[in-house]
């Protein structure tokens, strides 16, 4: 069997689709860009710092000219639902197409947006935010979707890095954006009642009610810049092309999730988080399905929404699955057939508890903003609880040492992946850290088992080394979560003069549970090797998290003040 064809750097592979112009598999320079504003292309990393891109599946061989928004909008009948809201509003594909066209006319007419301009998008998760995102891409501009919770200094950093000059903002989220006082930024609000409101102009007919011809973008024109949510440090702008948007749907969604046209998607991640962008817009639209877009989507809102609207595909984080366990019997969840978890490691205890309570096997996965979505996962009978899974079709993964050499199965090392999407930071020297020898190095420590499954160990920079022992915090967290009173857990290594690092556990308990560190230590003695047991247990009301729900471990490293029930003490073997 011949080896798969490889395509370096900006080249797009051929696609057998009638007389559509095919990409030349041997070219290494980008195709003719439709962008007038070429800033994003000019600030990509140099070609020798790109990962190796692979297009091993036939469905990944896209034509040289491709507009992903036009592709997502094409196909389903006009009357098929695409977006629903908690209040009962329903948008059809035909209605969405009309609104996107009117928005694109307004963008390129009244607002003066030209292909390649970066357009900031900010607001709660609504059909209008999704429509604005599609309109920006259809008009050939570059979408920069941020979180509604981000503060002025964070918004300033994003606009400075991406040179943003246009913003479409939900009127309810405009204060922080306006307060950021970003030089040269033109803010257009939507969802208000003023005559200049974007939606009022689109609905009232000031925009042409005629189809908007999609800008003839190249498959490797920049479509979006997604900023890392990061727990600390300056955010990194991850640049993704039009073909990348379709590639994540044509790999994970098509081959692992396997959605149906009658599916209704829902979930907690916002559209400024690529986990949410894929799960709530790209994947359902690529399948001709629909999505329930919830402005409030915490654990307390998800189960009622699933029951009321008959959601069949659910996307959320491990913490939310854990938090919903106690309320499963209160709602009719029989419509659910797919549950996807990403954003953090899924503890085996949470997987088993959810399966016992619902009969559903959570599809675990690891993704990254740098790679747009999930690249290691497994579904149905292929799931092995306690592992992340295997490389998604179209992707390759391996575990290697710090020098880039593969390590034997069973030994921990750095997770390295490559596929049709790769890391391209916007004008950021950290590109050399993430991409090494053609592989994307995710920053996670993994073990590859002899059966080919990948098991998460820890973030590479979160391994705890105590008295010469290597201790993975997530393993200790998983043990804590097996205690019936523990709702959330986080384990860090705090500097210790005698041991190098001391294992410190932070636990959030069920309401009303007694904060008894000695009882928790006694439980852990039966679950862990003695050297892995925490030397200190701290009880918290909540764990510190980013706006996207990622744990901020660095905030747990400083010694805490006195807290009720918190107590330092000997390790489990010394108690």
Protein backbone atom coordinates (compact mmCIF):
# COMPACT_ATOMS: atom_id res chain seq x y z
CA UNK A 1 0.00 0.00 0.00
CA UNK A 2 1.47 3.39 -0.91
CA UNK A 3 2.24 5.74 1.95
CA UNK A 4 -0.12 8.69 2.55
CA UNK A 5 0.72 11.87 0.72
CA UNK A 6 2.15 14.64 2.90
CA UNK A 7 1.66 18.33 2.27
CA UNK A 8 4.03 20.83 3.80
CA UNK A 9 3.21 24.24 5.19
CA UNK A 10 0.53 26.19 3.31
CA UNK A 11 -0.31 23.66 0.62
CA UNK A 12 -3.83 22.30 0.24
CA UNK A 13 -4.33 18.72 -1.01
CA UNK A 14 -6.45 17.79 -4.01
CA UNK A 15 -10.12 17.00 -3.70
CA UNK A 16 -12.07 14.98 -6.21
CA UNK A 17 -15.15 17.15 -6.70
CA UNK A 18 -16.22 17.56 -10.29
CA UNK A 19 -14.36 20.33 -12.11
CA UNK A 20 -13.42 22.24 -8.96
CA UNK A 21 -9.86 23.48 -9.10
CA UNK A 22 -7.65 21.17 -7.10
CA UNK A 23 -4.79 22.15 -4.86
CA UNK A 24 -1.36 21.16 -6.07
CA UNK A 25 0.06 18.66 -3.55
CA UNK A 26 3.62 19.69 -4.34
CA UNK A 27 3.36 23.43 -3.80
CA UNK A 28 4.69 24.89 -0.55
CA UNK A 29 3.71 28.54 -0.98
CA UNK A 30 0.19 29.71 -0.06
CA UNK A 31 -2.46 29.92 -2.73
CA UNK A 32 -3.61 33.24 -4.14
CA UNK A 33 -5.22 35.01 -1.22
CA UNK A 34 -8.52 36.87 -1.40
CA UNK A 35 -7.40 39.11 1.45
CA UNK A 36 -6.96 42.81 0.86
CA UNK A 37 -5.71 43.27 4.41
CA UNK A 38 -2.81 40.81 4.55
CA UNK A 39 -1.74 41.35 8.18
CA UNK A 40 -2.70 37.87 9.39
CA UNK A 41 -0.90 36.08 6.55
CA UNK A 42 2.17 38.26 6.92
CA UNK A 43 2.44 37.50 10.64
CA UNK A 44 2.24 33.73 10.42
CA UNK A 45 5.33 31.86 11.61
CA UNK A 46 8.00 31.25 8.96
CA UNK A 47 7.37 28.03 7.01
CA UNK A 48 10.22 26.15 8.69
CA UNK A 49 8.45 26.55 12.05
CA UNK A 50 5.16 25.02 10.87
CA UNK A 51 4.13 21.50 11.86
CA UNK A 52 3.87 18.85 9.19
CA UNK A 53 0.30 18.83 7.89
CA UNK A 54 -1.30 15.57 6.81
CA UNK A 55 -4.42 15.00 4.76
CA UNK A 56 -4.64 11.23 4.79
CA UNK A 57 -8.43 10.93 4.44
CA UNK A 58 -10.21 11.55 1.11
CA UNK A 59 -12.65 13.95 2.77
CA UNK A 60 -9.75 16.19 3.83
CA UNK A 61 -8.67 16.88 0.26
CA UNK A 62 -10.31 20.26 -0.10
CA UNK A 63 -10.33 22.41 -3.24
CA UNK A 64 -7.88 25.28 -3.51
CA UNK A 65 -10.72 27.84 -3.27
CA UNK A 66 -12.92 27.39 -0.24
CA UNK A 67 -15.08 29.59 1.98
CA UNK A 68 -15.98 27.57 5.07
CA UNK A 69 -19.00 29.71 5.99
CA UNK A 70 -20.53 29.19 2.56
CA UNK A 71 -19.82 25.48 2.87
CA UNK A 72 -21.51 25.23 6.28
CA UNK A 73 -24.55 27.18 5.07
CA UNK A 74 -25.04 25.12 1.92
CA UNK A 75 -27.14 21.98 1.75
CA UNK A 76 -29.90 21.62 4.35
CA UNK A 77 -33.45 22.54 3.29
CA UNK A 78 -34.62 26.07 4.11
CA UNK A 79 -37.21 24.86 6.61
CA UNK A 80 -34.90 22.64 8.66
CA UNK A 81 -34.13 24.09 12.13
CA UNK A 82 -30.55 25.14 12.80
CA UNK A 83 -30.59 27.15 16.05
CA UNK A 84 -32.99 27.12 18.99
CA UNK A 85 -33.02 29.20 22.16
CA UNK A 86 -34.14 28.54 25.73
CA UNK A 87 -37.12 30.84 25.20
CA UNK A 88 -38.39 28.73 22.33
CA UNK A 89 -37.24 30.78 19.33
CA UNK A 90 -36.24 28.65 16.35
CA UNK A 91 -34.13 29.68 13.38
CA UNK A 92 -34.29 27.70 10.17
CA UNK A 93 -31.38 27.20 7.79
CA UNK A 94 -33.19 29.41 5.29
CA UNK A 95 -33.65 32.15 7.87
CA UNK A 96 -30.03 31.89 8.94
CA UNK A 97 -28.82 32.15 5.35
CA UNK A 98 -30.90 35.30 4.80
CA UNK A 99 -29.66 36.92 8.01
CA UNK A 100 -26.03 36.07 7.32
CA UNK A 101 -26.31 37.58 3.83
CA UNK A 102 -27.81 40.80 5.17
CA UNK A 103 -25.13 41.02 7.87
CA UNK A 104 -22.39 40.45 5.30
CA UNK A 105 -23.82 43.25 3.13
CA UNK A 106 -23.77 45.57 6.14
CA UNK A 107 -20.23 44.58 7.07
CA UNK A 108 -18.78 45.22 3.65
CA UNK A 109 -21.02 48.18 2.85
CA UNK A 110 -21.89 50.45 5.78
CA UNK A 111 -19.04 49.31 8.03
CA UNK A 112 -16.31 49.16 5.40
CA UNK A 113 -14.91 45.77 6.34
CA UNK A 114 -12.61 44.35 3.65
CA UNK A 115 -11.35 40.77 3.25
CA UNK A 116 -8.63 40.07 5.77
CA UNK A 117 -9.75 42.63 8.37
CA UNK A 118 -9.97 41.16 11.85
CA UNK A 119 -13.43 41.51 13.38
CA UNK A 120 -13.88 41.04 17.12
CA UNK A 121 -17.06 39.21 18.16
CA UNK A 122 -18.29 39.43 21.74
CA UNK A 123 -21.48 38.39 23.46
CA UNK A 124 -23.41 35.58 25.12
CA UNK A 125 -24.06 32.40 23.17
CA UNK A 126 -26.98 33.31 20.89
CA UNK A 127 -28.04 32.64 17.30
CA UNK A 128 -27.10 36.22 16.45
CA UNK A 129 -23.52 35.73 17.63
CA UNK A 130 -23.29 32.62 15.46
CA UNK A 131 -24.79 34.51 12.50
CA UNK A 132 -22.26 37.32 12.93
CA UNK A 133 -19.44 34.76 12.98
CA UNK A 134 -20.67 33.20 9.74
CA UNK A 135 -21.15 36.61 8.11
CA UNK A 136 -17.60 37.69 8.96
CA UNK A 137 -16.19 34.55 7.37
CA UNK A 138 -18.48 34.68 4.34
CA UNK A 139 -17.31 38.27 3.76
CA UNK A 140 -13.70 37.06 3.75
CA UNK A 141 -12.78 38.76 7.03
CA UNK A 142 -11.13 37.09 10.03
CA UNK A 143 -13.25 36.25 13.08
CA UNK A 144 -11.76 36.90 16.52
CA UNK A 145 -14.37 35.62 18.97
CA UNK A 146 -13.70 36.46 22.61
CA UNK A 147 -15.47 35.60 25.83
CA UNK A 148 -18.18 37.85 27.20
CA UNK A 149 -16.50 37.59 30.61
CA UNK A 150 -13.13 38.99 29.52
CA UNK A 151 -12.07 42.25 31.13
CA UNK A 152 -10.75 45.44 29.52
CA UNK A 153 -7.05 44.63 29.91
CA UNK A 154 -7.60 41.20 28.32
CA UNK A 155 -9.56 42.73 25.44
CA UNK A 156 -6.85 45.32 24.87
CA UNK A 157 -4.22 42.57 24.61
CA UNK A 158 -6.28 40.64 22.04
CA UNK A 159 -6.90 43.72 19.91
CA UNK A 160 -3.26 44.75 20.09
CA UNK A 161 -1.92 41.33 19.07
CA UNK A 162 -4.42 40.84 16.21
CA UNK A 163 -4.59 44.53 15.16
CA UNK A 164 -8.37 44.53 15.45
CA UNK A 165 -10.19 47.62 14.16
CA UNK A 166 -13.80 46.36 13.93
CA UNK A 167 -15.98 44.83 16.65
CA UNK A 168 -19.51 43.42 16.69
CA UNK A 169 -20.69 43.28 20.29
CA UNK A 170 -23.91 42.29 22.03
CA UNK A 171 -25.19 45.48 23.65
CA UNK A 172 -25.26 43.68 27.02
CA UNK A 173 -21.51 43.05 26.85
CA UNK A 174 -20.32 46.38 25.43
CA UNK A 175 -19.34 48.20 28.61
CA UNK A 176 -16.01 46.45 29.18
CA UNK A 177 -15.16 46.64 25.48
CA UNK A 178 -15.90 50.36 25.31
CA UNK A 179 -14.13 50.85 28.63
CA UNK A 180 -10.98 49.23 27.26
CA UNK A 181 -10.48 52.40 25.15
CA UNK A 182 -8.80 50.54 22.30
CA UNK A 183 -7.36 53.04 19.79
CA UNK A 184 -9.04 52.95 16.39
CA UNK A 185 -11.59 50.28 17.30
CA UNK A 186 -15.01 50.77 15.69
CA UNK A 187 -17.65 49.09 17.87
CA UNK A 188 -21.03 48.19 16.37
CA UNK A 189 -23.56 46.83 18.85
CA UNK A 190 -26.36 44.38 18.25
CA UNK A 191 -29.41 43.39 20.27
CA UNK A 192 -30.35 46.92 21.31
CA UNK A 193 -33.17 49.22 20.31
CA UNK A 194 -31.25 52.11 18.76
CA UNK A 195 -31.55 52.98 15.06
CA UNK A 196 -27.87 52.19 14.52
CA UNK A 197 -28.14 48.72 16.02
CA UNK A 198 -26.73 46.09 13.66
CA UNK A 199 -29.66 43.71 13.98
CA UNK A 200 -32.23 46.47 13.63
CA UNK A 201 -30.60 47.50 10.36
CA UNK A 202 -30.39 43.90 9.18
CA UNK A 203 -34.03 43.15 10.06
CA UNK A 204 -35.49 46.49 8.95
CA UNK A 205 -34.22 46.20 5.43
CA UNK A 206 -31.43 48.77 5.30
CA UNK A 207 -29.24 45.87 4.19
CA UNK A 208 -29.99 44.36 0.76
CA UNK A 209 -32.35 41.38 0.88
CA UNK A 210 -30.40 39.63 -1.83
CA UNK A 211 -27.90 36.78 -1.56
CA UNK A 212 -24.37 37.80 -0.64
CA UNK A 213 -21.83 36.07 -2.89
CA UNK A 214 -19.21 34.49 -0.62
CA UNK A 215 -15.75 35.97 -1.01
CA UNK A 216 -13.60 33.60 -3.07
CA UNK A 217 -11.16 32.80 -0.29
CA UNK A 218 -8.34 30.32 -0.64
CA UNK A 219 -8.59 27.18 1.46
CA UNK A 220 -5.50 28.42 3.30
CA UNK A 221 -6.72 31.99 3.81
CA UNK A 222 -7.01 32.86 7.48
CA UNK A 223 -10.58 32.39 8.74
CA UNK A 224 -10.22 32.92 12.46
CA UNK A 225 -7.80 33.72 15.25
CA UNK A 226 -8.60 31.92 18.49
CA UNK A 227 -6.85 33.15 21.60
CA UNK A 228 -5.71 30.69 24.23
CA UNK A 229 -7.71 30.94 27.41
CA UNK A 230 -4.50 30.27 29.32
CA UNK A 231 -4.26 30.28 33.08
CA UNK A 232 -1.49 32.88 33.13
CA UNK A 233 0.73 34.90 30.81
CA UNK A 234 0.13 36.81 27.57
CA UNK A 235 -2.51 35.14 25.38
CA UNK A 236 -1.42 33.45 22.17
CA UNK A 237 -3.35 33.98 18.94
CA UNK A 238 -3.89 30.65 17.17
CA UNK A 239 -4.43 31.17 13.44
CA UNK A 240 -6.74 28.80 11.57
CA UNK A 241 -7.62 28.58 7.88
CA UNK A 242 -10.93 28.03 6.12
CA UNK A 243 -10.04 24.39 5.49
CA UNK A 244 -9.23 23.91 9.20
CA UNK A 245 -12.80 24.75 10.18
CA UNK A 246 -14.09 21.90 8.03
CA UNK A 247 -11.25 19.53 8.91
CA UNK A 248 -12.20 19.29 12.59
CA UNK A 249 -15.75 18.39 11.56
CA UNK A 250 -14.53 15.90 8.98
CA UNK A 251 -12.29 14.11 11.49
CA UNK A 252 -13.57 14.03 15.09
CA UNK A 253 -17.21 14.83 14.40
CA UNK A 254 -17.62 12.64 11.34
CA UNK A 255 -15.64 9.61 12.51
CA UNK A 256 -16.03 9.61 16.32
CA UNK A 257 -19.12 11.64 17.23
CA UNK A 258 -21.08 10.54 14.12
CA UNK A 259 -23.93 13.08 14.33
CA UNK A 260 -27.26 12.72 12.55
CA UNK A 261 -29.36 15.37 10.84
CA UNK A 262 -32.06 14.98 13.50
CA UNK A 263 -29.66 15.63 16.38
CA UNK A 264 -30.03 18.61 18.68
CA UNK A 265 -26.69 19.73 20.14
CA UNK A 266 -26.25 21.69 23.37
CA UNK A 267 -23.47 22.42 25.81
CA UNK A 268 -21.76 24.74 28.23
CA UNK A 269 -18.67 26.03 26.36
CA UNK A 270 -19.08 29.51 24.84
CA UNK A 271 -18.39 30.24 21.17
CA UNK A 272 -15.21 32.10 22.13
CA UNK A 273 -13.85 28.72 23.25
CA UNK A 274 -13.06 26.45 20.26
CA UNK A 275 -14.58 23.48 22.13
CA UNK A 276 -17.89 25.36 22.00
CA UNK A 277 -17.45 26.71 18.48
CA UNK A 278 -17.06 23.18 17.19
CA UNK A 279 -19.72 21.54 19.34
CA UNK A 280 -22.40 24.20 18.92
CA UNK A 281 -21.89 25.61 15.43
CA UNK A 282 -19.43 23.77 13.17
CA UNK A 283 -20.35 20.16 13.95
CA UNK A 284 -24.16 20.49 13.89
CA UNK A 285 -24.11 22.63 10.73
CA UNK A 286 -21.70 20.29 8.94
CA UNK A 287 -24.18 17.48 9.64
CA UNK A 288 -27.28 19.52 8.77
CA UNK A 289 -28.39 19.22 12.41
CA UNK A 290 -29.42 21.88 14.93
CA UNK A 291 -28.12 23.37 18.19
CA UNK A 292 -29.74 24.74 21.31
CA UNK A 293 -27.76 27.91 22.11
CA UNK A 294 -27.98 28.68 25.83
CA UNK A 295 -26.92 32.01 27.30
CA UNK A 296 -26.74 30.39 30.73
CA UNK A 297 -25.31 26.89 30.50
CA UNK A 298 -23.95 25.88 33.89
CA UNK A 299 -24.64 22.47 35.42
CA UNK A 300 -27.92 23.73 36.93
CA UNK A 301 -29.21 24.84 33.52
CA UNK A 302 -28.03 21.94 31.37
CA UNK A 303 -30.17 19.11 32.73
CA UNK A 304 -33.47 21.06 32.59
CA UNK A 305 -32.59 22.18 29.05
CA UNK A 306 -31.84 18.62 27.94
CA UNK A 307 -35.17 17.43 29.32
CA UNK A 308 -37.28 20.31 28.01
CA UNK A 309 -35.83 20.57 24.51
CA UNK A 310 -34.94 16.88 24.01
CA UNK A 311 -31.23 17.45 23.46
CA UNK A 312 -29.44 14.44 21.98
CA UNK A 313 -25.77 15.56 21.90
CA UNK A 314 -24.21 17.24 24.92
CA UNK A 315 -20.82 19.00 25.14
CA UNK A 316 -19.43 20.03 28.53
CA UNK A 317 -16.46 19.67 30.85
CA UNK A 318 -15.72 16.91 33.38
CA UNK A 319 -16.51 19.25 36.27
CA UNK A 320 -20.03 19.78 34.96
CA UNK A 321 -20.69 16.07 34.50
CA UNK A 322 -19.60 15.53 38.09
CA UNK A 323 -21.76 18.40 39.36
CA UNK A 324 -24.88 17.06 37.61
CA UNK A 325 -24.70 13.56 39.08
CA UNK A 326 -26.91 14.24 42.10
CA UNK A 327 -29.76 15.62 39.94
CA UNK A 328 -29.96 12.96 37.25
CA UNK A 329 -33.12 11.35 38.64
CA UNK A 330 -35.00 14.66 38.57
CA UNK A 331 -35.05 14.96 34.77
CA UNK A 332 -36.01 12.93 31.73
CA UNK A 333 -32.72 12.47 29.88
CA UNK A 334 -33.84 9.73 27.53
CA UNK A 335 -33.26 11.96 24.49
CA UNK A 336 -29.50 12.00 25.12
CA UNK A 337 -27.43 9.65 23.00
CA UNK A 338 -24.01 11.36 22.92
CA UNK A 339 -22.07 13.06 25.74
CA UNK A 340 -18.70 14.63 24.96
CA UNK A 341 -16.12 15.73 27.54
CA UNK A 342 -13.04 17.86 26.94
CA UNK A 343 -11.25 20.89 28.34
CA UNK A 344 -9.73 18.92 31.22
CA UNK A 345 -8.93 15.32 32.02
CA UNK A 346 -12.02 13.18 32.64
CA UNK A 347 -11.51 11.17 35.86
CA UNK A 348 -12.48 7.51 35.59
CA UNK A 349 -14.64 7.93 38.69
CA UNK A 350 -16.74 10.57 36.95
CA UNK A 351 -17.04 8.43 33.80
CA UNK A 352 -18.30 5.43 35.77
CA UNK A 353 -20.71 7.48 37.88
CA UNK A 354 -22.25 9.09 34.78
CA UNK A 355 -22.54 5.73 33.02
CA UNK A 356 -24.19 4.21 36.08
CA UNK A 357 -26.64 7.10 36.38
CA UNK A 358 -27.58 7.49 32.72
CA UNK A 359 -26.46 4.38 30.88
CA UNK A 360 -24.41 6.64 28.58
CA UNK A 361 -20.70 6.29 27.91
CA UNK A 362 -19.02 9.70 27.89
CA UNK A 363 -16.86 10.33 24.83
CA UNK A 364 -13.65 11.64 26.36
CA UNK A 365 -11.26 13.68 24.24
CA UNK A 366 -8.29 15.98 24.28
CA UNK A 367 -8.17 19.03 22.06
CA UNK A 368 -6.29 22.31 22.00
CA UNK A 369 -6.94 25.84 20.82
CA UNK A 370 -3.77 25.45 18.75
CA UNK A 371 -5.32 22.50 16.89
CA UNK A 372 -8.89 23.83 16.99
CA UNK A 373 -10.61 20.75 18.41
CA UNK A 374 -10.31 17.12 19.55
CA UNK A 375 -7.59 14.87 18.11
CA UNK A 376 -7.46 11.88 20.52
CA UNK A 377 -10.73 10.23 21.55
CA UNK A 378 -12.88 7.11 21.39
CA UNK A 379 -16.60 6.33 21.34
CA UNK A 380 -19.02 3.53 22.08
CA UNK A 381 -17.44 0.10 22.52
CA UNK A 382 -14.00 1.50 21.81
CA UNK A 383 -14.02 3.55 25.03
CA UNK A 384 -11.58 2.47 27.74
CA UNK A 385 -12.46 4.37 30.96
CA UNK A 386 -9.43 6.07 32.46
CA UNK A 387 -7.90 6.71 29.04
CA UNK A 388 -8.43 9.53 26.56
CA UNK A 389 -8.62 7.18 23.60
CA UNK A 390 -6.74 6.72 20.35
CA UNK A 391 -5.82 9.17 17.57
CA UNK A 392 -8.91 10.41 15.76
CA UNK A 393 -8.96 9.28 12.10
CA UNK A 394 -6.90 11.81 10.15
CA UNK A 395 -4.56 12.39 13.11
CA UNK A 396 -1.39 10.77 14.40
CA UNK A 397 -0.11 10.81 17.98
CA UNK A 398 2.90 9.53 19.85
CA UNK A 399 4.63 9.92 23.21
CA UNK A 400 8.18 11.23 23.10
CA UNK A 401 10.93 12.43 25.40
CA UNK A 402 12.16 16.02 25.72
CA UNK A 403 14.61 15.42 22.86
CA UNK A 404 11.92 14.25 20.44
CA UNK A 405 12.63 10.52 20.58
CA UNK A 406 9.60 8.21 20.97
CA UNK A 407 9.43 6.47 24.35
CA UNK A 408 8.38 2.83 24.83
CA UNK A 409 4.77 1.98 25.61
CA UNK A 410 4.04 2.26 29.30
CA UNK A 411 6.54 5.06 29.93
CA UNK A 412 5.43 8.68 30.43
CA UNK A 413 6.48 11.39 28.01
CA UNK A 414 5.24 14.37 26.06
CA UNK A 415 2.19 13.99 23.83
CA UNK A 416 3.00 14.88 20.21
CA UNK A 417 0.34 15.04 17.48
CA UNK A 418 0.00 15.97 13.83
CA UNK A 419 -2.81 15.99 11.31
CA UNK A 420 -4.72 18.32 8.96
CA UNK A 421 -4.60 21.24 11.41
CA UNK A 422 -1.49 22.56 13.13
CA UNK A 423 -0.28 25.25 15.48
CA UNK A 424 0.43 28.62 13.89
CA UNK A 425 0.81 31.37 16.48
CA UNK A 426 0.32 34.93 15.31
CA UNK A 427 3.68 36.70 15.60
CA UNK A 428 4.69 34.82 18.74
CA UNK A 429 8.14 33.37 19.50
CA UNK A 430 6.50 30.58 21.52
CA UNK A 431 5.84 28.88 18.18
CA UNK A 432 9.22 27.14 18.53
CA UNK A 433 8.15 25.67 21.87
CA UNK A 434 4.90 24.19 20.56
CA UNK A 435 6.11 22.86 17.21
CA UNK A 436 9.22 20.68 17.20
CA UNK A 437 10.45 18.58 14.28
CA UNK A 438 7.07 18.81 12.56
CA UNK A 439 5.05 17.68 15.59
CA UNK A 440 2.69 19.71 17.78
CA UNK A 441 3.78 19.31 21.41
CA UNK A 442 0.65 19.85 23.48
CA UNK A 443 2.32 20.27 26.86
CA UNK A 444 0.65 17.17 28.29
CA UNK A 445 2.35 14.16 29.83
CA UNK A 446 0.85 10.92 28.52
CA UNK A 447 1.46 7.19 28.53
CA UNK A 448 0.71 5.09 25.47
CA UNK A 449 -0.50 1.66 26.52
CA UNK A 450 0.46 -1.50 24.60
CA UNK A 451 -3.10 -1.63 23.20
CA UNK A 452 -2.57 1.78 21.56
CA UNK A 453 -4.70 3.80 23.97
CA UNK A 454 -3.37 7.05 25.36
CA UNK A 455 -3.68 7.69 29.10
CA UNK A 456 -3.39 11.19 30.52
CA UNK A 457 -0.86 11.65 33.32
CA UNK A 458 -0.65 15.41 33.91
CA UNK A 459 0.18 18.69 32.30
CA UNK A 460 3.90 18.48 31.67
CA UNK A 461 4.54 21.46 33.93
CA UNK A 462 2.25 20.08 36.67
CA UNK A 463 4.13 16.87 37.49
CA UNK A 464 4.95 16.81 41.19
CA UNK A 465 8.40 15.58 42.23
CA UNK A 466 8.44 14.88 45.95
CA UNK A 467 11.38 13.22 47.72
CA UNK A 468 12.47 11.73 44.38
CA UNK A 469 9.05 10.34 43.46
CA UNK A 470 7.19 11.45 40.33
CA UNK A 471 3.54 12.03 41.28
CA UNK A 472 0.77 12.87 38.82
CA UNK A 473 -1.71 15.26 40.40
CA UNK A 474 -4.68 13.95 38.34
CA UNK A 475 -4.16 10.46 39.76
CA UNK A 476 -4.50 11.81 43.29
CA UNK A 477 -7.50 13.90 42.20
CA UNK A 478 -9.18 10.82 40.75
CA UNK A 479 -8.74 9.04 44.08
CA UNK A 480 -10.26 11.98 45.95
CA UNK A 481 -13.24 12.04 43.60
CA UNK A 482 -14.00 8.44 44.48
CA UNK A 483 -14.97 9.67 47.96
CA UNK A 484 -18.76 10.15 48.01
CA UNK A 485 -18.56 13.63 49.59
CA UNK A 486 -15.97 15.14 47.21
CA UNK A 487 -17.42 17.20 44.35
CA UNK A 488 -14.21 18.71 42.97
CA UNK A 489 -10.53 18.17 43.64
CA UNK A 490 -7.25 19.76 42.63
CA UNK A 491 -3.77 18.66 43.62
CA UNK A 492 -0.61 20.73 43.30
CA UNK A 493 3.01 20.47 44.34
CA UNK A 494 3.95 23.25 46.74
CA UNK A 495 7.67 24.06 47.24
CA UNK A 496 9.05 22.25 50.27
CA UNK A 497 12.62 22.71 51.56
CA UNK A 498 12.98 19.09 52.64
CA UNK A 499 11.24 17.26 49.78
CA UNK A 500 11.47 19.64 46.86
CA UNK A 501 7.69 19.63 46.55
CA UNK A 502 4.91 18.59 48.89
CA UNK A 503 1.62 17.15 47.61
CA UNK A 504 -1.25 19.46 48.60
CA UNK A 505 -4.86 18.50 47.89
CA UNK A 506 -7.73 20.95 47.57
CA UNK A 507 -11.24 19.56 47.87
CA UNK A 508 -14.74 20.95 47.41
CA UNK A 509 -17.31 18.92 49.33
CA UNK A 510 -21.02 18.39 48.94
CA UNK A 511 -23.17 20.87 50.78
CA UNK A 512 -23.48 19.86 54.40
CA UNK A 513 -20.57 17.39 54.38
CA UNK A 514 -18.17 17.59 57.31
CA UNK A 515 -14.72 19.01 56.53
CA UNK A 516 -12.73 16.26 58.22
CA UNK A 517 -9.18 15.95 56.82
CA UNK A 518 -8.41 12.88 58.94
CA UNK A 519 -11.37 10.98 57.48
CA UNK A 520 -10.31 11.91 53.96
CA UNK A 521 -6.75 10.78 54.65
CA UNK A 522 -8.04 7.45 55.96
CA UNK A 523 -10.00 7.01 52.72
CA UNK A 524 -6.92 7.81 50.60
CA UNK A 525 -4.80 5.28 52.45
CA UNK A 526 -6.84 2.56 50.75
CA UNK A 527 -6.68 4.22 47.33
CA UNK A 528 -3.06 5.33 46.83
CA UNK A 529 0.51 4.31 47.38
CA UNK A 530 1.77 6.04 50.52
CA UNK A 531 4.18 8.40 48.73
CA UNK A 532 1.30 9.79 46.62
CA UNK A 533 -0.88 10.75 49.57
CA UNK A 534 -1.21 14.51 50.24
CA UNK A 535 0.73 16.03 53.10
CA UNK A 536 -1.92 18.73 53.36
CA UNK A 537 -5.64 18.84 52.63
CA UNK A 538 -7.32 22.20 52.04
CA UNK A 539 -11.10 22.55 51.84
CA UNK A 540 -12.48 25.24 49.54
CA UNK A 541 -15.94 26.47 48.61
CA UNK A 542 -14.92 26.47 44.92
CA UNK A 543 -11.81 25.92 42.83
CA UNK A 544 -10.34 28.88 40.92
CA UNK A 545 -11.11 28.62 37.21
CA UNK A 546 -10.78 30.65 34.03
CA UNK A 547 -13.83 31.94 32.18
CA UNK A 548 -13.74 28.77 30.06
CA UNK A 549 -13.73 26.55 33.15
CA UNK A 550 -10.07 25.55 33.16
CA UNK A 551 -8.51 25.09 36.56
CA UNK A 552 -6.04 27.80 37.56
CA UNK A 553 -3.56 25.64 39.44
CA UNK A 554 -1.07 28.46 39.90
CA UNK A 555 -3.55 30.18 42.24
CA UNK A 556 -3.38 27.14 44.52
CA UNK A 557 0.39 27.24 44.94
CA UNK A 558 0.54 30.02 47.53
CA UNK A 559 0.05 28.83 51.11
CA UNK A 560 -3.60 29.53 52.06
CA UNK A 561 -4.82 31.36 55.10
CA UNK A 562 -6.61 29.43 57.80
CA UNK A 563 -9.81 27.82 56.55
CA UNK A 564 -12.40 25.80 58.44
CA UNK A 565 -11.56 22.12 58.31
CA UNK A 566 -8.27 22.61 56.47
CA UNK A 567 -5.33 20.96 58.07
CA UNK A 568 -1.72 20.15 57.32
CA UNK A 569 -0.54 16.86 58.58
CA UNK A 570 1.50 13.76 57.92
CA UNK A 571 1.17 11.81 54.72
CA UNK A 572 -1.20 8.90 54.73
CA UNK A 573 1.60 6.50 55.61
CA UNK A 574 2.51 8.62 58.62
CA UNK A 575 -0.96 9.45 59.93
